[in-house]
Protein backbone atom coordinates (compact mmCIF):
# COMPACT_ATOMS: atom_id res chain seq x y z
CA VAL A 1 0.00 0.00 0.00
CA GLN A 2 1.24 3.45 -0.88
CA LEU A 3 -0.30 6.83 -0.16
CA VAL A 4 1.43 9.91 -1.57
CA GLU A 5 0.22 13.37 -0.61
CA SER A 6 0.92 16.55 -2.51
CA GLY A 7 -0.33 20.11 -2.77
CA GLY A 8 0.78 21.60 0.51
CA GLY A 9 2.49 24.94 0.80
CA LEU A 10 2.36 28.45 2.21
CA VAL A 11 -0.89 30.36 1.89
CA GLN A 12 -2.22 33.58 3.37
CA PRO A 13 -5.14 33.58 5.81
CA GLY A 14 -8.38 33.38 3.88
CA GLY A 15 -6.71 31.57 1.02
CA SER A 16 -7.26 28.11 -0.44
CA LEU A 17 -5.27 24.98 -1.14
CA ARG A 18 -6.14 21.62 -2.65
CA LEU A 19 -4.34 18.57 -1.37
CA SER A 20 -4.13 15.34 -3.33
CA CYS A 21 -3.42 11.80 -2.22
CA ALA A 22 -2.51 9.21 -4.84
CA ALA A 23 -3.24 5.70 -3.61
CA SER A 24 -2.02 2.33 -4.78
CA GLY A 25 -1.76 -1.25 -3.59
CA PHE A 26 -5.37 -1.79 -2.54
CA THR A 27 -8.87 -1.61 -3.99
CA PHE A 28 -9.36 2.13 -3.81
CA ARG A 29 -12.93 2.31 -5.11
CA THR A 30 -14.30 0.21 -2.24
CA SER A 31 -12.28 1.91 0.48
CA THR A 32 -13.05 4.67 2.93
CA MET A 33 -10.38 7.36 2.82
CA THR A 34 -9.60 9.99 5.41
CA TRP A 35 -7.49 13.08 5.95
CA ALA A 36 -5.96 13.98 9.29
CA ARG A 37 -3.56 16.64 10.45
CA GLN A 38 -1.03 17.24 13.17
CA ALA A 39 -0.09 20.73 14.24
CA PRO A 40 3.20 21.43 16.03
CA GLY A 41 3.03 20.19 19.60
CA LYS A 42 -0.47 18.76 19.18
CA GLY A 43 -2.01 15.36 18.58
CA LEU A 44 -3.46 13.91 15.43
CA GLU A 45 -6.80 15.40 14.42
CA TRP A 46 -9.24 13.98 11.88
CA VAL A 47 -10.48 16.55 9.38
CA ALA A 48 -12.41 14.66 6.71
CA ALA A 49 -13.52 11.23 5.56
CA ILE A 50 -15.20 9.86 2.47
CA SER A 51 -16.75 6.44 2.08
CA SER A 52 -16.84 4.27 -1.02
CA ASP A 53 -20.32 5.57 -1.89
CA GLY A 54 -19.19 9.18 -1.60
CA SER A 55 -20.66 9.96 1.80
CA THR A 56 -18.55 12.51 3.64
CA TRP A 57 -17.86 13.43 7.25
CA TYR A 58 -16.24 16.53 8.77
CA PRO A 59 -15.70 17.72 12.32
CA ASP A 60 -17.29 21.07 13.19
CA LEU A 61 -13.83 22.61 13.20
CA VAL A 62 -13.59 22.48 9.38
CA LYS A 63 -17.19 21.94 8.28
CA GLY A 64 -18.12 24.42 5.58
CA ARG A 65 -14.48 25.20 4.79
CA PHE A 66 -13.00 21.83 3.79
CA THR A 67 -14.33 19.49 1.12
CA ILE A 68 -13.16 15.93 0.58
CA SER A 69 -13.71 14.24 -2.77
CA ARG A 70 -12.46 11.23 -4.66
CA ASP A 71 -11.70 10.18 -8.22
CA ASN A 72 -11.88 6.42 -8.41
CA ALA A 73 -10.57 6.43 -11.99
CA ARG A 74 -7.35 8.06 -10.75
CA ASN A 75 -7.20 6.32 -7.34
CA THR A 76 -6.93 9.77 -5.81
CA VAL A 77 -8.59 11.52 -2.91
CA TYR A 78 -8.60 15.30 -2.59
CA LEU A 79 -9.00 17.82 0.19
CA GLN A 80 -10.13 21.27 -0.90
CA MET A 81 -9.42 23.75 1.87
CA ASP A 82 -10.97 27.21 1.73
CA SER A 83 -11.03 30.17 4.12
CA LEU A 84 -7.84 28.92 5.68
CA LYS A 85 -6.84 30.14 9.12
CA ALA A 86 -3.54 30.20 10.97
CA ASP A 87 -4.87 27.37 13.16
CA ASP A 88 -5.05 25.16 10.06
CA THR A 89 -1.25 25.10 9.93
CA ALA A 90 -0.21 21.46 10.24
CA ILE A 91 1.14 18.46 8.44
CA TYR A 92 -1.74 16.85 6.58
CA TYR A 93 -1.86 13.09 6.18
CA CYS A 94 -3.86 10.78 3.97
CA ASN A 95 -5.07 7.57 5.59
CA HIS A 96 -6.57 4.22 4.65
CA ASP A 97 -7.03 1.56 7.29
CA GLN A 98 -3.68 1.32 9.09
CA TYR A 99 -1.73 2.97 6.30
CA TRP A 100 -0.54 6.57 6.24
CA GLY A 101 1.16 8.79 3.72
CA GLN A 102 4.29 10.79 4.44
CA GLY A 103 2.33 13.99 4.92
CA THR A 104 2.35 17.39 3.28
CA GLN A 105 3.00 20.64 5.13
CA VAL A 106 0.36 23.36 5.08
CA THR A 107 1.36 26.72 6.51
CA VAL A 108 -1.17 29.53 6.81
CA SER A 109 0.57 32.82 7.48
CA SER A 110 0.68 36.39 6.27
């Protein structure tokens, strides 16, 4: 199993970023995929999940600002992040079952 995130970077408060996670080594189309993040000095925090049928889940912390989606033809899951805040600064990880990607850094700063 391999999960490879991309799309992180530096963005100003109020800006947007779209993260991607390319998956391989398992049956992507039947799998629930999630995104989580870890800010400096803090624990892991779930930010979005999408099931095989496209149902999505978000914690209140990001609801209305983050959107998870998937492209089963490309074995890729996305995280669209809008109205970003400084508190969204973290390393963002893609997850499936017990597998994790290497993470991509998102920094929100002016």
